[in-house]
Amino acid sequence: MEKIRFIHAADLHLGSTFPHTDGAKSFIKEEFERSIEYAVERMIQDAIQFQVDFIILAGDIFDQENRSIRSQIFLKRTFQQLQDVGIQVYMVFGNHDPLHQKYAFDTWPQHVHVFATTPEVKVFYKNNLPVCHLYGCSYKTRHVKENLAALYEKKEGALYHIAILHGQDRMSEEHVPYAPFSKNELLHKEMDYWALGHIHQRTSLHERIHYPGNIQGRHANETNQKGYLLVELDGDQIEVAFQAVSPIVFKDIFIPLAAEDTLDRLTEHLLEELRVHRNKAMKGIAARVILEEASSSFSDLFQREALEEFRETLNDIGATEDPFFYIYQMDNKPKKSFAIPEEKENTFLKDLHLQANALYQDAKEMDVYLRELFDHPVIKKHIPLENLDKKTLVEKGTQMIHYLWEKE
């Protein structure tokens, strides 16, 4: 039986901004701005090296509805390398880049197959035989609440059947429910593979149902190596392997502080941790450093001004290293916990903690308070509400207010 090998990628988000780089040196900013393109180029090189039959892109290929002309030209020129070696591309567009939008290209090269806004099937031929049926559907508008998977109908006449879908499990609470489905619904379709997109964390729902995650991390909630899935179907057998291609990796680095530590020892410890998390395949690392306080030895350092100076000094070092490191955020995690005050204690602090606890338990209620802020055209471009860690925001905000109140 003929086997097929393909790449499954999703959520490229070409044209994304990187708000964490506001204070970085210019060459580091340029590396961030080009990082998604670097990742795509690496994936294309891998496709040629691994001699895959085709590439699947499962939505959100571009970051904005009015996709940039630069990003579209880049992708078309990059796809040209695949045409030269006979590798096909099958792609759907998702909620960030619905198909019928301003400035969208009307045509793509012949080897690039774009699915329409109603479910359809495309045939992949190998050795003049219809080896694989691919099923897909692009978003027509940004908000698609319909169960698109339910509309996919398996069509006989091919050895393999692959469904491409940009959406999420309706039981998930991590994202806005676009094109919601259930795992059982997908399994009922009896496809050989479901190539999913939309969730940026690499996730496996079943041995034949996968999210590859996005191809390059863009902010604090998209940590660790990013890339694509290399899939091989050989009769009833399936092999799925993750391949990292992200040139810049976002990492959270926790540094415990011992009572006997000095600033020199802390600096060396931190630099060593930053080096451990890098390798030659990377261009750099973007780090959020959390200093875990164990004593009052570093109380001066935990003042915001001193902490910021420490971060900037370390970044001067990071800019000289290869791969570089850039600390976009440095926070302290105080040993002291802020408990809810007793009834007779400060009423303001008690109300603060009660309100924070209510928000912490109900993220949807918090959305109501944040919506006006994140509907602002400038703010929403840099910090999308859907990518915000709301519970961490509540916790840190409570700590900051509590600290400032006690300081006064």
Protein backbone atom coordinates (compact mmCIF):
# COMPACT_ATOMS: atom_id res chain seq x y z
CA MET A 1 0.00 0.00 0.00
CA GLU A 2 1.22 3.49 -0.88
CA LYS A 3 2.33 5.50 2.15
CA ILE A 4 2.24 9.27 2.53
CA ARG A 5 4.32 11.67 4.56
CA PHE A 6 3.22 15.23 5.29
CA ILE A 7 3.77 18.24 7.54
CA HIS A 8 0.92 19.48 9.72
CA ALA A 9 1.36 23.09 10.87
CA ALA A 10 -1.04 25.78 12.04
CA ASP A 11 -1.28 29.24 13.54
CA LEU A 12 1.70 30.82 11.80
CA HIS A 13 0.30 34.28 12.57
CA LEU A 14 2.51 35.98 10.00
CA GLY A 15 2.61 39.71 10.67
CA SER A 16 2.34 39.39 14.45
CA THR A 17 3.74 42.09 16.70
CA PHE A 18 5.96 41.39 19.71
CA PRO A 19 5.04 43.86 22.48
CA HIS A 20 7.57 42.38 24.92
CA THR A 21 10.46 43.81 22.87
CA ASP A 22 9.69 47.48 23.48
CA GLY A 23 12.90 48.02 25.46
CA ALA A 24 15.17 45.69 23.46
CA LYS A 25 18.13 46.71 21.34
CA SER A 26 17.30 47.25 17.68
CA PHE A 27 18.93 44.07 16.35
CA ILE A 28 17.01 41.96 18.90
CA LYS A 29 13.77 43.64 17.88
CA GLU A 30 14.55 42.76 14.27
CA GLU A 31 15.18 39.12 15.22
CA PHE A 32 11.77 38.96 16.91
CA GLU A 33 10.02 40.65 13.98
CA ARG A 34 11.54 38.14 11.55
CA SER A 35 11.21 35.10 13.83
CA ILE A 36 7.97 33.74 12.33
CA GLU A 37 9.37 34.03 8.83
CA TYR A 38 12.55 32.23 9.98
CA ALA A 39 10.38 29.44 11.42
CA VAL A 40 8.41 29.10 8.17
CA GLU A 41 11.64 29.00 6.15
CA ARG A 42 12.99 26.23 8.39
CA MET A 43 9.77 24.27 7.94
CA ILE A 44 9.99 24.60 4.15
CA GLN A 45 13.62 23.42 4.20
CA ASP A 46 12.58 20.43 6.32
CA ALA A 47 9.76 19.61 3.91
CA ILE A 48 12.25 19.38 1.06
CA GLN A 49 14.78 17.43 3.15
CA PHE A 50 12.18 14.93 4.44
CA GLN A 51 10.68 14.65 0.94
CA VAL A 52 7.13 15.09 2.18
CA ASP A 53 4.19 14.73 -0.17
CA PHE A 54 2.42 17.84 1.02
CA ILE A 55 2.08 20.47 3.76
CA ILE A 56 -1.14 21.18 5.66
CA LEU A 57 -1.70 24.64 7.18
CA ALA A 58 -4.71 24.54 9.51
CA GLY A 59 -5.71 28.21 9.78
CA ASP A 60 -4.56 31.55 11.18
CA ILE A 61 -1.76 31.70 8.66
CA PHE A 62 -1.84 35.48 8.94
CA ASP A 63 -2.34 37.39 12.17
CA GLN A 64 -4.79 40.07 11.08
CA GLU A 65 -7.93 40.15 8.95
CA ASN A 66 -6.40 42.89 6.80
CA ARG A 67 -3.31 40.76 6.28
CA SER A 68 -0.15 42.61 5.34
CA ILE A 69 0.95 42.59 1.73
CA ARG A 70 4.52 41.92 2.92
CA SER A 71 3.47 38.71 4.69
CA GLN A 72 1.49 37.47 1.69
CA ILE A 73 4.33 38.12 -0.74
CA PHE A 74 6.76 36.39 1.64
CA LEU A 75 4.58 33.29 1.82
CA LYS A 76 4.00 33.09 -1.93
CA ARG A 77 7.72 33.41 -2.64
CA THR A 78 8.52 30.79 -0.01
CA PHE A 79 5.93 28.41 -1.47
CA GLN A 80 7.71 28.69 -4.82
CA GLN A 81 10.53 26.52 -3.43
CA LEU A 82 7.98 23.73 -2.89
CA GLN A 83 6.58 23.97 -6.39
CA ASP A 84 10.06 23.39 -7.78
CA VAL A 85 10.20 19.97 -6.04
CA GLY A 86 6.56 18.98 -6.48
CA ILE A 87 5.35 19.42 -2.87
CA GLN A 88 1.69 20.44 -2.58
CA VAL A 89 0.20 22.80 0.02
CA TYR A 90 -3.34 22.51 1.45
CA MET A 91 -4.57 25.31 3.67
CA VAL A 92 -7.64 26.71 5.38
CA PHE A 93 -8.02 30.19 6.81
CA GLY A 94 -9.18 30.74 10.40
CA ASN A 95 -10.61 33.38 12.70
CA HIS A 96 -7.59 35.69 12.43
CA ASP A 97 -7.48 35.60 8.62
CA PRO A 98 -10.96 34.82 7.23
CA LEU A 99 -10.89 34.15 3.50
CA HIS A 100 -12.90 37.06 2.14
CA GLN A 101 -11.04 40.03 3.53
CA LYS A 102 -9.54 43.27 2.30
CA TYR A 103 -6.08 43.02 0.71
CA ALA A 104 -6.28 39.18 0.49
CA PHE A 105 -4.64 37.70 -2.61
CA ASP A 106 -7.15 36.18 -5.05
CA THR A 107 -4.76 33.66 -6.53
CA TRP A 108 -2.03 31.35 -5.29
CA PRO A 109 0.44 29.16 -7.21
CA GLN A 110 -1.05 26.01 -8.77
CA HIS A 111 0.42 23.72 -6.13
CA VAL A 112 -1.26 25.70 -3.30
CA HIS A 113 -4.83 24.58 -2.63
CA VAL A 114 -7.08 26.86 -0.55
CA PHE A 115 -10.32 25.47 0.84
CA ALA A 116 -13.51 27.46 0.28
CA THR A 117 -15.84 28.73 3.01
CA THR A 118 -18.06 25.67 2.69
CA PRO A 119 -16.64 22.20 3.36
CA GLU A 120 -15.09 20.60 0.30
CA VAL A 121 -12.79 17.72 -0.63
CA LYS A 122 -9.54 17.95 -2.58
CA VAL A 123 -7.72 14.98 -4.07
CA PHE A 124 -3.98 14.33 -3.74
CA TYR A 125 -2.56 12.16 -6.49
CA LYS A 126 0.64 10.11 -6.17
CA ASN A 127 1.98 8.05 -9.04
CA ASN A 128 -1.17 9.04 -10.95
CA LEU A 129 -3.41 7.46 -8.32
CA PRO A 130 -5.93 9.25 -6.01
CA VAL A 131 -4.08 8.39 -2.81
CA CYS A 132 -5.64 10.87 -0.37
CA HIS A 133 -8.81 12.88 0.08
CA LEU A 134 -8.35 16.08 2.08
CA TYR A 135 -11.39 17.77 3.62
CA GLY A 136 -11.43 21.37 4.77
CA CYS A 137 -13.30 24.63 5.22
CA SER A 138 -12.02 28.21 5.57
CA TYR A 139 -13.67 30.83 7.78
CA LYS A 140 -15.76 33.36 5.91
CA THR A 141 -15.89 35.75 8.88
CA ARG A 142 -13.89 36.13 12.07
CA HIS A 143 -16.51 34.57 14.34
CA VAL A 144 -17.63 31.08 13.32
CA LYS A 145 -19.75 29.41 15.99
CA GLU A 146 -21.10 26.67 13.72
CA ASN A 147 -19.93 23.06 14.16
CA LEU A 148 -18.03 22.78 10.87
CA ALA A 149 -16.80 19.25 11.63
CA ALA A 150 -20.38 17.99 11.51
CA LEU A 151 -20.55 19.08 7.87
CA TYR A 152 -17.54 17.03 6.76
CA GLU A 153 -18.62 13.95 4.81
CA LYS A 154 -16.16 11.17 4.01
CA LYS A 155 -16.01 10.39 0.31
CA GLU A 156 -14.86 7.00 -0.93
CA GLY A 157 -12.23 6.59 -3.64
CA ALA A 158 -8.90 7.15 -1.87
CA LEU A 159 -6.56 5.19 0.38
CA TYR A 160 -6.39 7.90 3.06
CA HIS A 161 -8.75 10.55 4.40
CA ILE A 162 -7.43 13.66 6.17
CA ALA A 163 -9.65 16.38 7.64
CA ILE A 164 -8.36 19.92 8.23
CA LEU A 165 -10.21 22.01 10.81
CA HIS A 166 -9.59 25.29 12.60
CA GLY A 167 -11.60 25.05 15.81
CA GLN A 168 -11.68 23.67 19.30
CA ASP A 169 -13.19 21.06 21.56
CA ARG A 170 -16.38 22.60 22.93
CA MET A 171 -15.42 21.33 26.41
CA SER A 172 -12.28 23.49 26.45
CA GLU A 173 -12.35 26.64 28.58
CA GLU A 174 -9.03 28.04 27.38
CA HIS A 175 -10.20 29.77 24.20
CA VAL A 176 -13.23 31.44 22.71
CA PRO A 177 -15.28 28.56 21.17
CA TYR A 178 -14.68 28.83 17.43
CA ALA A 179 -16.17 26.05 15.26
CA PRO A 180 -16.73 23.90 18.39
CA PHE A 181 -16.70 20.11 18.17
CA SER A 182 -16.36 17.06 20.40
CA LYS A 183 -13.66 14.41 20.10
CA ASN A 184 -16.31 11.72 19.67
CA GLU A 185 -17.78 13.61 16.73
CA LEU A 186 -14.39 13.62 15.03
CA LEU A 187 -13.80 9.93 15.71
CA HIS A 188 -17.24 9.10 14.33
CA LYS A 189 -16.16 10.51 10.94
CA GLU A 190 -13.55 7.70 10.69
CA MET A 191 -10.84 9.88 9.19
CA ASP A 192 -7.25 8.64 9.13
CA TYR A 193 -6.07 11.96 10.57
CA TRP A 194 -7.52 15.22 11.86
CA ALA A 195 -5.20 18.18 11.29
CA LEU A 196 -6.41 20.79 13.78
CA GLY A 197 -5.53 24.42 14.33
CA HIS A 198 -6.46 27.28 16.72
CA ILE A 199 -4.96 26.05 20.02
CA HIS A 200 -1.41 27.36 20.36
CA GLN A 201 -0.28 24.69 22.81
CA ARG A 202 0.76 21.44 21.14
CA THR A 203 -2.02 19.01 22.09
CA SER A 204 -3.02 15.47 21.22
CA LEU A 205 -6.70 14.54 21.58
CA HIS A 206 -6.18 11.06 20.10
CA GLU A 207 -3.42 9.28 18.18
CA ARG A 208 -5.10 10.56 15.00
CA ILE A 209 -6.32 13.97 16.24
CA HIS A 210 -3.65 16.62 16.85
CA TYR A 211 -2.94 20.30 17.33
CA PRO A 212 0.68 21.16 16.40
CA GLY A 213 0.55 24.45 18.32
CA ASN A 214 1.78 27.67 16.77
CA ILE A 215 5.08 27.78 14.94
CA GLN A 216 6.73 30.56 16.97
CA GLY A 217 5.96 31.83 20.47
CA ARG A 218 4.95 35.49 20.59
CA HIS A 219 4.41 36.30 24.26
CA ALA A 220 4.58 35.03 27.85
CA ASN A 221 1.77 32.50 27.42
CA GLU A 222 3.47 30.75 24.48
CA THR A 223 6.53 29.21 26.08
CA ASN A 224 9.00 26.47 25.09
CA GLN A 225 9.91 25.12 21.66
CA LYS A 226 7.39 25.61 18.86
CA GLY A 227 7.15 23.93 15.49
CA TYR A 228 5.12 21.48 13.43
CA LEU A 229 4.17 17.79 13.28
CA LEU A 230 5.73 15.37 10.79
CA VAL A 231 3.14 12.69 10.03
CA GLU A 232 3.44 9.42 8.13
CA LEU A 233 0.51 7.18 7.21
CA ASP A 234 1.35 3.67 6.06
CA GLY A 235 -1.76 1.55 5.80
CA ASP A 236 -3.20 1.30 9.31
CA GLN A 237 0.03 2.55 10.88
CA ILE A 238 0.62 6.16 11.89
CA GLU A 239 3.71 8.00 13.12
CA VAL A 240 3.56 11.55 14.46
CA ALA A 241 6.74 13.41 15.45
CA PHE A 242 7.19 16.97 16.66
CA GLN A 243 9.84 19.06 14.90
CA ALA A 244 11.02 22.32 16.51
CA VAL A 245 11.68 25.27 14.20
CA SER A 246 11.11 28.38 16.35
CA PRO A 247 14.29 30.48 16.37
CA ILE A 248 13.34 32.33 19.56
CA VAL A 249 11.97 30.50 22.59
CA PHE A 250 9.96 32.07 25.40
CA LYS A 251 10.85 30.62 28.80
CA ASP A 252 9.84 31.14 32.43
CA ILE A 253 12.89 30.90 34.68
CA PHE A 254 12.44 30.59 38.45
CA ILE A 255 15.41 31.53 40.65
CA PRO A 256 15.13 30.62 44.36
CA LEU A 257 17.02 33.00 46.64
CA ALA A 258 18.81 31.53 49.64
CA ALA A 259 19.52 33.57 52.77
CA GLU A 260 23.29 33.28 52.17
CA ASP A 261 23.11 34.47 48.55
CA THR A 262 24.86 37.64 47.46
CA LEU A 263 24.14 39.78 44.43
CA ASP A 264 27.23 38.32 42.71
CA ARG A 265 26.05 34.76 43.33
CA LEU A 266 22.53 35.62 42.19
CA THR A 267 23.88 37.12 38.95
CA GLU A 268 26.05 34.09 38.17
CA HIS A 269 23.22 31.70 38.98
CA LEU A 270 20.84 33.58 36.72
CA LEU A 271 23.32 33.78 33.82
CA GLU A 272 23.98 30.05 34.11
CA GLU A 273 20.24 29.27 34.02
CA LEU A 274 19.83 31.41 30.92
CA ARG A 275 22.66 29.54 29.20
CA VAL A 276 21.26 26.12 30.10
CA HIS A 277 18.03 26.87 28.23
CA ARG A 278 19.76 27.79 24.96
CA ASN A 279 21.17 25.73 22.11
CA LYS A 280 22.87 26.39 18.79
CA ALA A 281 19.65 25.84 16.82
CA MET A 282 18.18 28.97 18.42
CA LYS A 283 18.75 32.59 17.61
CA GLY A 284 17.82 33.57 21.14
CA ILE A 285 15.68 33.17 24.22
CA ALA A 286 13.05 35.53 25.64
CA ALA A 287 12.86 35.07 29.38
CA ARG A 288 10.49 36.00 32.16
CA VAL A 289 12.54 35.71 35.35
CA ILE A 290 10.82 35.15 38.68
CA LEU A 291 12.97 35.67 41.76
CA GLU A 292 11.60 33.62 44.65
CA GLU A 293 12.39 35.48 47.87
CA ALA A 294 13.55 33.44 50.85
CA SER A 295 14.85 36.19 53.11
CA SER A 296 15.03 39.95 53.49
CA SER A 297 18.60 40.01 52.11
CA PHE A 298 17.37 41.29 48.76
CA SER A 299 14.67 43.68 49.94
CA ASP A 300 16.40 46.60 48.21
CA LEU A 301 16.60 44.66 44.96
CA PHE A 302 12.87 44.00 45.06
CA GLN A 303 12.13 47.68 44.73
CA ARG A 304 10.82 48.19 41.19
CA GLU A 305 13.52 50.70 40.16
CA ALA A 306 16.38 48.46 41.29
CA LEU A 307 14.82 45.39 39.71
CA GLU A 308 14.49 47.20 36.40
CA GLU A 309 18.12 48.35 36.53
CA PHE A 310 19.22 44.77 37.24
CA ARG A 311 17.19 43.52 34.25
CA GLU A 312 18.66 46.13 31.91
CA THR A 313 22.21 45.31 33.04
CA LEU A 314 21.68 41.60 32.38
CA ASN A 315 20.20 42.39 28.97
CA ASP A 316 23.36 44.28 28.04
CA ILE A 317 25.20 41.00 28.65
CA GLY A 318 22.58 39.00 26.78
CA ALA A 319 22.93 41.17 23.68
CA THR A 320 26.61 40.17 23.37
CA GLU A 321 26.02 36.41 23.52
CA ASP A 322 25.18 33.95 20.76
CA PRO A 323 22.41 32.82 20.97
CA PHE A 324 21.28 36.03 22.64
CA PHE A 325 19.02 36.24 25.65
CA TYR A 326 16.55 38.98 26.42
CA ILE A 327 14.76 39.30 29.76
CA TYR A 328 11.49 41.01 28.92
CA GLN A 329 10.16 40.82 32.49
CA MET A 330 11.63 40.32 35.93
CA ASP A 331 9.42 39.86 38.97
CA ASN A 332 9.78 38.95 42.58
CA LYS A 333 7.68 36.32 44.28
CA PRO A 334 7.62 37.38 47.93
CA LYS A 335 7.78 34.73 50.59
CA LYS A 336 5.23 36.67 52.56
CA SER A 337 1.66 35.67 51.71
CA PHE A 338 -1.15 38.16 51.82
CA ALA A 339 -3.99 36.56 53.72
CA ILE A 340 -7.49 38.01 53.93
CA PRO A 341 -7.55 40.30 57.01
CA GLU A 342 -9.73 39.40 59.99
CA GLU A 343 -13.07 41.13 60.52
CA LYS A 344 -11.65 43.79 62.85
CA GLU A 345 -8.67 44.55 60.63
CA ASN A 346 -8.40 46.95 57.70
CA THR A 347 -11.71 47.04 55.81
CA PHE A 348 -10.11 48.20 52.53
CA LEU A 349 -7.71 45.26 52.40
CA LYS A 350 -10.47 42.83 53.34
CA ASP A 351 -12.68 44.12 50.53
CA LEU A 352 -9.72 44.00 48.15
CA HIS A 353 -9.07 40.31 48.84
CA LEU A 354 -12.74 39.35 48.72
CA GLN A 355 -13.17 41.05 45.33
CA ALA A 356 -9.92 39.52 44.00
CA ASN A 357 -11.01 36.07 45.12
CA ALA A 358 -14.36 36.48 43.38
CA LEU A 359 -12.64 37.47 40.13
CA TYR A 360 -10.11 34.65 40.50
CA GLN A 361 -12.94 32.13 40.69
CA ASP A 362 -14.88 33.60 37.77
CA ALA A 363 -12.73 34.50 34.76
CA LYS A 364 -15.83 35.35 32.70
CA GLU A 365 -16.84 38.08 35.16
CA MET A 366 -13.35 39.50 34.84
CA ASP A 367 -13.82 39.72 31.07
CA VAL A 368 -16.64 42.20 31.67
CA TYR A 369 -14.26 44.53 33.54
CA LEU A 370 -11.48 44.15 30.99
CA ARG A 371 -13.54 44.37 27.81
CA GLU A 372 -13.61 48.16 27.56
CA LEU A 373 -9.84 48.37 28.04
CA PHE A 374 -9.02 45.63 25.54
CA ASP A 375 -11.44 46.94 22.94
CA HIS A 376 -9.13 49.94 22.61
CA PRO A 377 -7.68 49.75 19.04
CA VAL A 378 -4.08 50.22 20.19
CA ILE A 379 -4.13 47.99 23.28
CA LYS A 380 -5.90 45.03 21.64
CA LYS A 381 -3.29 44.98 18.87
CA HIS A 382 -0.47 44.39 21.35
CA ILE A 383 -2.15 42.33 24.08
CA PRO A 384 -5.12 40.31 22.79
CA LEU A 385 -7.57 39.54 25.58
CA GLU A 386 -7.76 35.88 24.55
CA ASN A 387 -4.02 35.46 25.28
CA LEU A 388 -4.08 37.13 28.70
CA ASP A 389 -3.46 35.06 31.82
CA LYS A 390 -6.29 36.62 33.81
CA LYS A 391 -5.73 34.73 37.05
CA THR A 392 -2.09 35.79 37.19
CA LEU A 393 -3.19 39.36 36.51
CA VAL A 394 -5.54 39.25 39.52
CA GLU A 395 -2.88 37.74 41.77
CA LYS A 396 -0.16 40.22 40.84
CA GLY A 397 -2.53 43.18 40.99
CA THR A 398 -3.64 42.19 44.49
CA GLN A 399 -0.04 41.81 45.66
CA MET A 400 0.94 45.19 44.22
CA ILE A 401 -1.96 47.06 45.84
CA HIS A 402 -1.38 45.27 49.16
CA TYR A 403 2.33 46.11 49.05
CA LEU A 404 1.74 49.81 48.24
CA TRP A 405 -0.93 50.09 50.97
CA GLU A 406 1.32 48.60 53.64
CA LYS A 407 4.25 50.73 52.46
CA GLU A 408 2.22 53.86 53.06
